[in-house]
Amino acid sequence: MKSRSRIAKGKELENFIVHWLRNMGLDKDAMRTPGSGSGRFKGDIYTPNLPIVLECKNHKTPHVAEWIKQADDQTFGYQPWAVIWHPPKVPMESSVAIVPLDIFKILLRHIQRKTGESV
């Protein structure tokens, strides 16, 4: 695959996640990070109203351990992280979030509080 098409695929997922965050009302100020995490703001998506570093991966073959290390390295141990992976041949809405177990626990507890049901 040509590097331009890889870059375009990555930007496509990043743009989708930015619009998704905004449309869901999670962060109206979300935007793609200039330089894709190489500058002051880390991660692929800058979310000033959410305390999380988001790495987006639009790859055919998953390299989960590598992606987790990259996301974790970008937090410097101070923020939670999530890797968003868009598997091939599925709609963007079917992308997968990879999060540490402690973050997953927080999400489950939040769902439990909202629904009043045990999860």
C-alpha atoms as a PDB file:
ATOM      1  CA  MET A   1       0.000   0.000   0.000  1.00  0.00           C
ATOM      2  CA  LYS A   2       1.257   3.465  -0.845  1.00  0.00           C
ATOM      3  CA  SER A   3       2.103   5.701   2.084  1.00  0.00           C
ATOM      4  CA  ARG A   4      -0.410   8.332   0.912  1.00  0.00           C
ATOM      5  CA  SER A   5      -3.258   5.850   1.074  1.00  0.00           C
ATOM      6  CA  ARG A   6      -2.150   4.756   4.574  1.00  0.00           C
ATOM      7  CA  ILE A   7      -2.134   8.381   5.666  1.00  0.00           C
ATOM      8  CA  ALA A   8      -5.535   8.949   4.072  1.00  0.00           C
ATOM      9  CA  LYS A   9      -6.983   5.885   5.840  1.00  0.00           C
ATOM     10  CA  GLY A  10      -5.653   7.116   9.179  1.00  0.00           C
ATOM     11  CA  LYS A  11      -7.089  10.599   8.642  1.00  0.00           C
ATOM     12  CA  GLU A  12     -10.435   9.094   7.639  1.00  0.00           C
ATOM     13  CA  LEU A  13     -10.712   7.226  10.954  1.00  0.00           C
ATOM     14  CA  GLU A  14      -9.471  10.228  12.938  1.00  0.00           C
ATOM     15  CA  ASN A  15     -12.058  12.485  11.278  1.00  0.00           C
ATOM     16  CA  PHE A  16     -14.784   9.918  11.945  1.00  0.00           C
ATOM     17  CA  ILE A  17     -13.858   9.717  15.653  1.00  0.00           C
ATOM     18  CA  VAL A  18     -13.745  13.523  15.976  1.00  0.00           C
ATOM     19  CA  HIS A  19     -17.231  13.845  14.443  1.00  0.00           C
ATOM     20  CA  TRP A  20     -18.494  10.932  16.549  1.00  0.00           C
ATOM     21  CA  LEU A  21     -17.220  12.542  19.784  1.00  0.00           C
ATOM     22  CA  ARG A  22     -18.828  15.850  18.826  1.00  0.00           C
ATOM     23  CA  ASN A  23     -22.143  14.329  17.706  1.00  0.00           C
ATOM     24  CA  MET A  24     -22.398  12.210  20.860  1.00  0.00           C
ATOM     25  CA  GLY A  25     -21.919  15.373  22.932  1.00  0.00           C
ATOM     26  CA  LEU A  26     -18.800  13.917  24.556  1.00  0.00           C
ATOM     27  CA  ASP A  27     -16.428  16.692  23.478  1.00  0.00           C
ATOM     28  CA  LYS A  28     -17.611  19.504  21.223  1.00  0.00           C
ATOM     29  CA  ASP A  29     -14.007  20.735  21.017  1.00  0.00           C
ATOM     30  CA  ALA A  30     -12.470  17.434  19.866  1.00  0.00           C
ATOM     31  CA  MET A  31     -10.141  17.726  16.886  1.00  0.00           C
ATOM     32  CA  ARG A  32      -7.417  15.838  15.088  1.00  0.00           C
ATOM     33  CA  THR A  33      -4.097  16.465  16.781  1.00  0.00           C
ATOM     34  CA  PRO A  34      -1.725  18.552  14.658  1.00  0.00           C
ATOM     35  CA  GLY A  35       1.278  16.400  13.743  1.00  0.00           C
ATOM     36  CA  SER A  36      -0.609  13.292  14.905  1.00  0.00           C
ATOM     37  CA  GLY A  37       0.678  13.341  18.472  1.00  0.00           C
ATOM     38  CA  SER A  38       4.222  14.503  17.787  1.00  0.00           C
ATOM     39  CA  GLY A  39       3.785  17.932  19.374  1.00  0.00           C
ATOM     40  CA  ARG A  40       2.434  19.330  22.631  1.00  0.00           C
ATOM     41  CA  PHE A  41      -0.785  17.307  22.458  1.00  0.00           C
ATOM     42  CA  LYS A  42      -0.434  13.538  22.409  1.00  0.00           C
ATOM     43  CA  GLY A  43      -2.532  10.962  20.655  1.00  0.00           C
ATOM     44  CA  ASP A  44      -4.296  11.235  17.324  1.00  0.00           C
ATOM     45  CA  ILE A  45      -7.344  13.041  18.721  1.00  0.00           C
ATOM     46  CA  TYR A  46      -7.143  16.080  20.981  1.00  0.00           C
ATOM     47  CA  THR A  47     -10.001  16.033  23.507  1.00  0.00           C
ATOM     48  CA  PRO A  48      -9.725  19.044  25.829  1.00  0.00           C
ATOM     49  CA  ASN A  49     -12.898  18.025  27.696  1.00  0.00           C
ATOM     50  CA  LEU A  50     -12.080  14.322  28.098  1.00  0.00           C
ATOM     51  CA  PRO A  51      -9.104  13.120  30.156  1.00  0.00           C
ATOM     52  CA  ILE A  52      -7.945  10.442  27.712  1.00  0.00           C
ATOM     53  CA  VAL A  53      -5.337   9.943  24.988  1.00  0.00           C
ATOM     54  CA  LEU A  54      -6.867   8.434  21.841  1.00  0.00           C
ATOM     55  CA  GLU A  55      -4.789   6.570  19.274  1.00  0.00           C
ATOM     56  CA  CYS A  56      -6.567   5.689  16.023  1.00  0.00           C
ATOM     57  CA  LYS A  57      -5.471   2.760  13.876  1.00  0.00           C
ATOM     58  CA  ASN A  58      -7.001   1.994  10.487  1.00  0.00           C
ATOM     59  CA  HIS A  59      -4.927  -1.096   9.684  1.00  0.00           C
ATOM     60  CA  LYS A  60      -5.778  -4.348   7.986  1.00  0.00           C
ATOM     61  CA  THR A  61      -3.671  -6.401  10.399  1.00  0.00           C
ATOM     62  CA  PRO A  62      -3.886  -5.659  14.126  1.00  0.00           C
ATOM     63  CA  HIS A  63      -0.651  -4.928  15.985  1.00  0.00           C
ATOM     64  CA  VAL A  64      -2.305  -4.531  19.367  1.00  0.00           C
ATOM     65  CA  ALA A  65       0.782  -4.832  21.598  1.00  0.00           C
ATOM     66  CA  GLU A  66       2.609  -2.201  19.521  1.00  0.00           C
ATOM     67  CA  TRP A  67      -0.397   0.141  19.549  1.00  0.00           C
ATOM     68  CA  ILE A  68      -0.902  -0.232  23.294  1.00  0.00           C
ATOM     69  CA  LYS A  69       2.750   0.580  23.931  1.00  0.00           C
ATOM     70  CA  GLN A  70       2.513   3.649  21.686  1.00  0.00           C
ATOM     71  CA  ALA A  71      -0.635   4.894  23.431  1.00  0.00           C
ATOM     72  CA  ASP A  72       0.762   4.187  26.897  1.00  0.00           C
ATOM     73  CA  ASP A  73       4.076   5.899  26.064  1.00  0.00           C
ATOM     74  CA  GLN A  74       2.212   9.019  24.958  1.00  0.00           C
ATOM     75  CA  THR A  75       0.434   9.372  28.316  1.00  0.00           C
ATOM     76  CA  PHE A  76       3.706   9.473  30.287  1.00  0.00           C
ATOM     77  CA  GLY A  77       1.758   7.553  32.935  1.00  0.00           C
ATOM     78  CA  TYR A  78      -0.512  10.531  33.690  1.00  0.00           C
ATOM     79  CA  GLN A  79      -3.621   9.873  31.605  1.00  0.00           C
ATOM     80  CA  PRO A  80      -5.776   6.967  30.590  1.00  0.00           C
ATOM     81  CA  TRP A  81      -5.570   5.872  26.975  1.00  0.00           C
ATOM     82  CA  ALA A  82      -7.643   4.047  24.393  1.00  0.00           C
ATOM     83  CA  VAL A  83      -6.749   2.608  21.013  1.00  0.00           C
ATOM     84  CA  ILE A  84      -9.485   2.819  18.389  1.00  0.00           C
ATOM     85  CA  TRP A  85      -9.031   0.207  15.648  1.00  0.00           C
ATOM     86  CA  HIS A  86     -11.056   0.096  12.459  1.00  0.00           C
ATOM     87  CA  PRO A  87     -10.942  -3.485  11.150  1.00  0.00           C
ATOM     88  CA  PRO A  88     -11.100  -3.959   7.384  1.00  0.00           C
ATOM     89  CA  LYS A  89     -14.386  -4.349   5.527  1.00  0.00           C
ATOM     90  CA  VAL A  90     -16.626  -3.055   8.309  1.00  0.00           C
ATOM     91  CA  PRO A  91     -18.309   0.336   8.704  1.00  0.00           C
ATOM     92  CA  MET A  92     -16.498   2.966  10.758  1.00  0.00           C
ATOM     93  CA  GLU A  93     -19.249   2.590  13.377  1.00  0.00           C
ATOM     94  CA  SER A  94     -17.990  -0.976  13.969  1.00  0.00           C
ATOM     95  CA  SER A  95     -14.535   0.188  15.038  1.00  0.00           C
ATOM     96  CA  VAL A  96     -13.161  -1.376  18.214  1.00  0.00           C
ATOM     97  CA  ALA A  97     -11.973   0.387  21.368  1.00  0.00           C
ATOM     98  CA  ILE A  98      -9.099  -1.217  23.247  1.00  0.00           C
ATOM     99  CA  VAL A  99      -8.811   0.067  26.824  1.00  0.00           C
ATOM    100  CA  PRO A 100      -6.982  -1.010  29.989  1.00  0.00           C
ATOM    101  CA  LEU A 101      -9.024  -3.145  32.380  1.00  0.00           C
ATOM    102  CA  ASP A 102      -9.217  -0.385  35.012  1.00  0.00           C
ATOM    103  CA  ILE A 103     -10.811   1.959  32.450  1.00  0.00           C
ATOM    104  CA  PHE A 104     -13.216  -0.803  31.401  1.00  0.00           C
ATOM    105  CA  LYS A 105     -14.176  -1.214  35.081  1.00  0.00           C
ATOM    106  CA  ILE A 106     -15.006   2.504  35.309  1.00  0.00           C
ATOM    107  CA  LEU A 107     -17.159   2.242  32.192  1.00  0.00           C
ATOM    108  CA  LEU A 108     -19.021  -0.771  33.566  1.00  0.00           C
ATOM    109  CA  ARG A 109     -19.646   0.959  36.900  1.00  0.00           C
ATOM    110  CA  HIS A 110     -20.955   4.011  35.074  1.00  0.00           C
ATOM    111  CA  ILE A 111     -23.343   1.832  33.066  1.00  0.00           C
ATOM    112  CA  GLN A 112     -24.436   0.126  36.258  1.00  0.00           C
ATOM    113  CA  ARG A 113     -25.184   3.464  37.952  1.00  0.00           C
ATOM    114  CA  LYS A 114     -27.118   4.731  34.904  1.00  0.00           C
ATOM    115  CA  THR A 115     -29.229   1.612  34.451  1.00  0.00           C
ATOM    116  CA  GLY A 116     -29.493   0.481  38.054  1.00  0.00           C
ATOM    117  CA  GLU A 117     -28.646  -3.022  36.888  1.00  0.00           C
ATOM    118  CA  SER A 118     -25.696  -5.193  37.786  1.00  0.00           C
ATOM    119  CA  VAL A 119     -23.267  -5.707  34.951  1.00  0.00           C
END
